[in-house]
Amino acid sequence: MSVRDFHNKAMEYANNALAAQRIGQEGYAKLLFHKAYICETTAAQQLEARQENEPSRAILYRSAAWMAANAGDYRVAFDLATEGLRGEVSEQFRFELNEVLKHARLRFIP
């Protein structure tokens, strides 16, 4: 599967997770967010940390990290945000990835 295919599947899981949250199905939402971050991480891992892959790579890692946080997997969220910060990341996405790190640190201190 391509980066786009994995990303699209991740978005499908994430949208379904948000719908589950809206109706109070937190456990099911976490399961769907887990599946979403696995797909988004797979998409991100297909892009090397090189300038020509930015900002797509940083966006995918940011998205995967937030999905992991929403799944309650704060260690994974921390690790994904850290990986997203590797390479030549713009200030905007560096800030956004650092926001995920702060969020994860509040719930998990590595």
N, C-alpha and C. Protein backbone atom coordinates (compact mmCIF):
# COMPACT_ATOMS: atom_id res chain seq x y z
N MET A 1 0.84 -1.18 0.00
CA MET A 1 0.00 0.00 0.00
C MET A 1 0.88 1.25 0.00
N SER A 2 0.36 2.31 -0.54
CA SER A 2 1.12 3.55 -0.65
C SER A 2 0.94 4.41 0.61
N VAL A 3 1.74 5.46 0.69
CA VAL A 3 1.61 6.43 1.78
C VAL A 3 0.17 6.95 1.82
N ARG A 4 -0.34 7.32 0.68
CA ARG A 4 -1.71 7.86 0.59
C ARG A 4 -2.74 6.83 1.06
N ASP A 5 -2.56 5.58 0.66
CA ASP A 5 -3.49 4.52 1.07
C ASP A 5 -3.52 4.37 2.59
N PHE A 6 -2.33 4.30 3.20
CA PHE A 6 -2.26 4.17 4.66
C PHE A 6 -2.85 5.40 5.34
N HIS A 7 -2.55 6.58 4.80
CA HIS A 7 -3.08 7.81 5.39
C HIS A 7 -4.61 7.83 5.29
N ASN A 8 -5.15 7.49 4.14
CA ASN A 8 -6.61 7.48 3.98
C ASN A 8 -7.28 6.50 4.94
N LYS A 9 -6.68 5.34 5.13
CA LYS A 9 -7.23 4.36 6.08
C LYS A 9 -7.16 4.91 7.50
N ALA A 10 -6.07 5.58 7.82
CA ALA A 10 -5.94 6.19 9.15
C ALA A 10 -7.03 7.22 9.38
N MET A 11 -7.29 8.05 8.36
CA MET A 11 -8.32 9.07 8.49
C MET A 11 -9.71 8.45 8.65
N GLU A 12 -9.94 7.34 7.99
CA GLU A 12 -11.21 6.64 8.13
C GLU A 12 -11.39 6.15 9.57
N TYR A 13 -10.33 5.52 10.11
CA TYR A 13 -10.39 5.06 11.51
C TYR A 13 -10.58 6.24 12.46
N ALA A 14 -9.84 7.33 12.24
CA ALA A 14 -9.92 8.49 13.13
C ALA A 14 -11.31 9.12 13.09
N ASN A 15 -11.88 9.25 11.91
CA ASN A 15 -13.23 9.82 11.81
C ASN A 15 -14.25 8.93 12.53
N ASN A 16 -14.10 7.63 12.39
CA ASN A 16 -14.99 6.71 13.10
C ASN A 16 -14.78 6.78 14.61
N ALA A 17 -13.53 7.00 15.02
CA ALA A 17 -13.23 7.14 16.45
C ALA A 17 -13.90 8.40 17.01
N LEU A 18 -13.82 9.48 16.27
CA LEU A 18 -14.47 10.72 16.72
C LEU A 18 -15.98 10.54 16.83
N ALA A 19 -16.56 9.82 15.88
CA ALA A 19 -18.00 9.54 15.93
C ALA A 19 -18.34 8.69 17.15
N ALA A 20 -17.50 7.72 17.46
CA ALA A 20 -17.71 6.87 18.64
C ALA A 20 -17.62 7.71 19.92
N GLN A 21 -16.67 8.64 19.97
CA GLN A 21 -16.54 9.52 21.14
C GLN A 21 -17.81 10.35 21.34
N ARG A 22 -18.35 10.85 20.25
CA ARG A 22 -19.54 11.71 20.33
C ARG A 22 -20.74 10.99 20.95
N ILE A 23 -20.78 9.68 20.79
CA ILE A 23 -21.92 8.94 21.36
C ILE A 23 -21.52 8.18 22.64
N GLY A 24 -20.36 8.55 23.19
CA GLY A 24 -19.96 8.02 24.48
C GLY A 24 -19.30 6.66 24.48
N GLN A 25 -18.88 6.18 23.34
CA GLN A 25 -18.22 4.87 23.26
C GLN A 25 -16.70 5.05 23.33
N GLU A 26 -16.23 5.45 24.50
CA GLU A 26 -14.81 5.78 24.67
C GLU A 26 -13.88 4.59 24.40
N GLY A 27 -14.24 3.42 24.88
CA GLY A 27 -13.39 2.25 24.67
C GLY A 27 -13.24 1.91 23.19
N TYR A 28 -14.34 1.96 22.48
CA TYR A 28 -14.30 1.69 21.04
C TYR A 28 -13.53 2.78 20.32
N ALA A 29 -13.70 4.03 20.75
CA ALA A 29 -12.97 5.15 20.15
C ALA A 29 -11.46 4.95 20.31
N LYS A 30 -11.04 4.52 21.49
CA LYS A 30 -9.60 4.30 21.72
C LYS A 30 -9.06 3.19 20.82
N LEU A 31 -9.85 2.15 20.65
CA LEU A 31 -9.45 1.06 19.74
C LEU A 31 -9.28 1.59 18.32
N LEU A 32 -10.23 2.40 17.87
CA LEU A 32 -10.15 2.97 16.52
C LEU A 32 -8.98 3.94 16.39
N PHE A 33 -8.73 4.76 17.41
CA PHE A 33 -7.56 5.64 17.37
C PHE A 33 -6.26 4.83 17.32
N HIS A 34 -6.25 3.69 18.01
CA HIS A 34 -5.08 2.81 17.96
C HIS A 34 -4.84 2.33 16.53
N LYS A 35 -5.89 1.85 15.90
CA LYS A 35 -5.76 1.40 14.51
C LYS A 35 -5.34 2.56 13.60
N ALA A 36 -5.89 3.74 13.88
CA ALA A 36 -5.56 4.92 13.07
C ALA A 36 -4.07 5.26 13.18
N TYR A 37 -3.53 5.27 14.40
CA TYR A 37 -2.12 5.66 14.51
C TYR A 37 -1.19 4.59 13.94
N ILE A 38 -1.59 3.35 13.95
CA ILE A 38 -0.78 2.31 13.32
C ILE A 38 -0.68 2.58 11.81
N CYS A 39 -1.80 2.87 11.19
CA CYS A 39 -1.81 3.17 9.74
C CYS A 39 -1.04 4.45 9.44
N GLU A 40 -1.24 5.48 10.24
CA GLU A 40 -0.57 6.77 9.99
C GLU A 40 0.94 6.64 10.21
N THR A 41 1.32 5.87 11.20
CA THR A 41 2.75 5.64 11.45
C THR A 41 3.38 4.89 10.28
N THR A 42 2.68 3.91 9.76
CA THR A 42 3.17 3.16 8.60
C THR A 42 3.37 4.09 7.41
N ALA A 43 2.42 5.00 7.21
CA ALA A 43 2.57 5.98 6.12
C ALA A 43 3.80 6.86 6.36
N ALA A 44 3.94 7.37 7.58
CA ALA A 44 5.06 8.26 7.90
C ALA A 44 6.40 7.56 7.74
N GLN A 45 6.47 6.30 8.13
CA GLN A 45 7.73 5.56 8.06
C GLN A 45 8.19 5.31 6.63
N GLN A 46 7.30 5.47 5.69
CA GLN A 46 7.69 5.28 4.29
C GLN A 46 8.43 6.49 3.73
N LEU A 47 8.43 7.59 4.48
CA LEU A 47 9.11 8.82 4.04
C LEU A 47 10.38 9.03 4.86
N GLU A 48 11.50 9.12 4.19
CA GLU A 48 12.77 9.36 4.88
C GLU A 48 12.81 10.80 5.38
N ALA A 49 13.62 11.03 6.40
CA ALA A 49 13.79 12.37 6.98
C ALA A 49 14.69 13.20 6.06
N ARG A 50 14.11 13.64 4.95
CA ARG A 50 14.83 14.47 3.98
C ARG A 50 13.96 15.66 3.62
N GLN A 51 14.60 16.74 3.23
CA GLN A 51 13.90 17.99 2.93
C GLN A 51 12.77 17.81 1.91
N GLU A 52 12.99 17.00 0.90
CA GLU A 52 11.96 16.84 -0.13
C GLU A 52 10.70 16.12 0.37
N ASN A 53 10.79 15.49 1.53
CA ASN A 53 9.63 14.81 2.11
C ASN A 53 8.88 15.67 3.12
N GLU A 54 9.36 16.89 3.32
CA GLU A 54 8.69 17.81 4.24
C GLU A 54 7.80 18.76 3.47
N PRO A 55 6.68 19.17 3.98
CA PRO A 55 6.19 18.94 5.34
C PRO A 55 5.37 17.67 5.51
N SER A 56 5.22 16.89 4.44
CA SER A 56 4.36 15.69 4.51
C SER A 56 4.76 14.76 5.65
N ARG A 57 6.05 14.52 5.79
CA ARG A 57 6.53 13.60 6.82
C ARG A 57 6.17 14.12 8.21
N ALA A 58 6.43 15.40 8.47
CA ALA A 58 6.12 15.98 9.78
C ALA A 58 4.62 15.94 10.06
N ILE A 59 3.82 16.21 9.04
CA ILE A 59 2.36 16.19 9.20
C ILE A 59 1.88 14.79 9.58
N LEU A 60 2.42 13.79 8.90
CA LEU A 60 2.02 12.41 9.20
C LEU A 60 2.41 12.01 10.62
N TYR A 61 3.64 12.38 11.03
CA TYR A 61 4.06 12.03 12.39
C TYR A 61 3.25 12.80 13.43
N ARG A 62 2.94 14.06 13.16
CA ARG A 62 2.12 14.84 14.08
C ARG A 62 0.75 14.19 14.23
N SER A 63 0.16 13.82 13.12
CA SER A 63 -1.15 13.19 13.12
C SER A 63 -1.11 11.85 13.87
N ALA A 64 -0.11 11.05 13.57
CA ALA A 64 0.02 9.75 14.23
C ALA A 64 0.20 9.92 15.74
N ALA A 65 0.99 10.93 16.13
CA ALA A 65 1.23 11.16 17.55
C ALA A 65 -0.06 11.56 18.28
N TRP A 66 -0.85 12.46 17.67
CA TRP A 66 -2.12 12.84 18.31
C TRP A 66 -3.08 11.66 18.37
N MET A 67 -3.09 10.83 17.34
CA MET A 67 -3.95 9.65 17.36
C MET A 67 -3.54 8.71 18.49
N ALA A 68 -2.23 8.54 18.66
CA ALA A 68 -1.73 7.68 19.75
C ALA A 68 -2.14 8.26 21.11
N ALA A 69 -2.03 9.58 21.25
CA ALA A 69 -2.44 10.22 22.50
C ALA A 69 -3.93 9.99 22.74
N ASN A 70 -4.73 10.13 21.69
CA ASN A 70 -6.17 9.91 21.83
C ASN A 70 -6.50 8.46 22.16
N ALA A 71 -5.61 7.56 21.77
CA ALA A 71 -5.79 6.15 22.10
C ALA A 71 -5.34 5.85 23.53
N GLY A 72 -4.70 6.83 24.17
CA GLY A 72 -4.18 6.62 25.52
C GLY A 72 -2.78 6.04 25.54
N ASP A 73 -2.15 5.96 24.38
CA ASP A 73 -0.79 5.40 24.28
C ASP A 73 0.22 6.55 24.28
N TYR A 74 0.42 7.13 25.47
CA TYR A 74 1.22 8.36 25.58
C TYR A 74 2.69 8.14 25.30
N ARG A 75 3.22 6.99 25.65
CA ARG A 75 4.63 6.69 25.34
C ARG A 75 4.82 6.67 23.82
N VAL A 76 3.90 6.02 23.13
CA VAL A 76 3.96 5.96 21.67
C VAL A 76 3.82 7.36 21.09
N ALA A 77 2.89 8.15 21.63
CA ALA A 77 2.71 9.53 21.16
C ALA A 77 4.00 10.32 21.31
N PHE A 78 4.66 10.16 22.44
CA PHE A 78 5.94 10.84 22.69
C PHE A 78 6.98 10.41 21.66
N ASP A 79 7.08 9.12 21.44
CA ASP A 79 8.08 8.59 20.49
C ASP A 79 7.79 9.05 19.05
N LEU A 80 6.53 9.06 18.67
CA LEU A 80 6.17 9.49 17.31
C LEU A 80 6.46 10.97 17.11
N ALA A 81 6.14 11.79 18.09
CA ALA A 81 6.43 13.22 17.98
C ALA A 81 7.93 13.45 17.91
N THR A 82 8.68 12.72 18.70
CA THR A 82 10.14 12.83 18.67
C THR A 82 10.68 12.47 17.30
N GLU A 83 10.18 11.39 16.73
CA GLU A 83 10.61 10.98 15.39
C GLU A 83 10.24 12.04 14.35
N GLY A 84 9.07 12.62 14.50
CA GLY A 84 8.65 13.66 13.58
C GLY A 84 9.54 14.89 13.60
N LEU A 85 10.20 15.13 14.72
CA LEU A 85 11.09 16.29 14.86
C LEU A 85 12.46 16.08 14.21
N ARG A 86 12.76 14.86 13.80
CA ARG A 86 14.03 14.61 13.12
C ARG A 86 14.02 15.23 11.74
N GLY A 87 15.14 15.62 11.27
CA GLY A 87 15.21 16.16 9.93
C GLY A 87 14.97 17.66 9.90
N GLU A 88 14.64 18.15 8.74
CA GLU A 88 14.47 19.59 8.51
C GLU A 88 12.99 19.95 8.57
N VAL A 89 12.49 20.10 9.78
CA VAL A 89 11.08 20.38 10.02
C VAL A 89 10.89 21.88 10.16
N SER A 90 9.87 22.42 9.50
CA SER A 90 9.60 23.86 9.58
C SER A 90 9.24 24.25 11.01
N GLU A 91 9.34 25.52 11.31
CA GLU A 91 9.02 26.02 12.65
C GLU A 91 7.58 25.71 13.03
N GLN A 92 6.66 25.86 12.09
CA GLN A 92 5.25 25.59 12.37
C GLN A 92 5.05 24.16 12.85
N PHE A 93 5.61 23.21 12.11
CA PHE A 93 5.40 21.81 12.48
C PHE A 93 6.27 21.41 13.68
N ARG A 94 7.40 22.07 13.84
CA ARG A 94 8.22 21.84 15.04
C ARG A 94 7.40 22.23 16.28
N PHE A 95 6.72 23.39 16.20
CA PHE A 95 5.87 23.84 17.29
C PHE A 95 4.76 22.83 17.56
N GLU A 96 4.08 22.39 16.51
CA GLU A 96 2.96 21.46 16.67
C GLU A 96 3.41 20.11 17.23
N LEU A 97 4.55 19.63 16.79
CA LEU A 97 5.08 18.36 17.33
C LEU A 97 5.49 18.53 18.79
N ASN A 98 6.02 19.68 19.12
CA ASN A 98 6.37 19.95 20.53
C ASN A 98 5.12 20.02 21.40
N GLU A 99 4.01 20.48 20.85
CA GLU A 99 2.75 20.49 21.59
C GLU A 99 2.33 19.06 21.95
N VAL A 100 2.51 18.13 21.02
CA VAL A 100 2.20 16.72 21.31
C VAL A 100 3.12 16.21 22.41
N LEU A 101 4.40 16.55 22.32
CA LEU A 101 5.35 16.13 23.36
C LEU A 101 4.92 16.63 24.73
N LYS A 102 4.53 17.89 24.83
CA LYS A 102 4.08 18.44 26.11
C LYS A 102 2.86 17.69 26.62
N HIS A 103 1.91 17.46 25.74
CA HIS A 103 0.69 16.74 26.11
C HIS A 103 1.04 15.34 26.63
N ALA A 104 1.90 14.64 25.91
CA ALA A 104 2.27 13.28 26.31
C ALA A 104 3.04 13.29 27.63
N ARG A 105 3.91 14.29 27.84
CA ARG A 105 4.68 14.39 29.08
C ARG A 105 3.77 14.58 30.29
N LEU A 106 2.66 15.26 30.12
CA LEU A 106 1.74 15.45 31.24
C LEU A 106 1.15 14.13 31.72
N ARG A 107 1.10 13.16 30.83
CA ARG A 107 0.50 11.87 31.17
C ARG A 107 1.53 10.76 31.28
N PHE A 108 2.69 11.00 30.73
CA PHE A 108 3.76 9.99 30.74
C PHE A 108 5.10 10.70 30.75
N ILE A 109 5.93 10.40 31.69
CA ILE A 109 7.27 10.99 31.73
C ILE A 109 8.26 9.91 31.39
N PRO A 110 8.94 10.04 30.21
CA PRO A 110 9.88 8.99 29.79
C PRO A 110 11.13 8.95 30.65
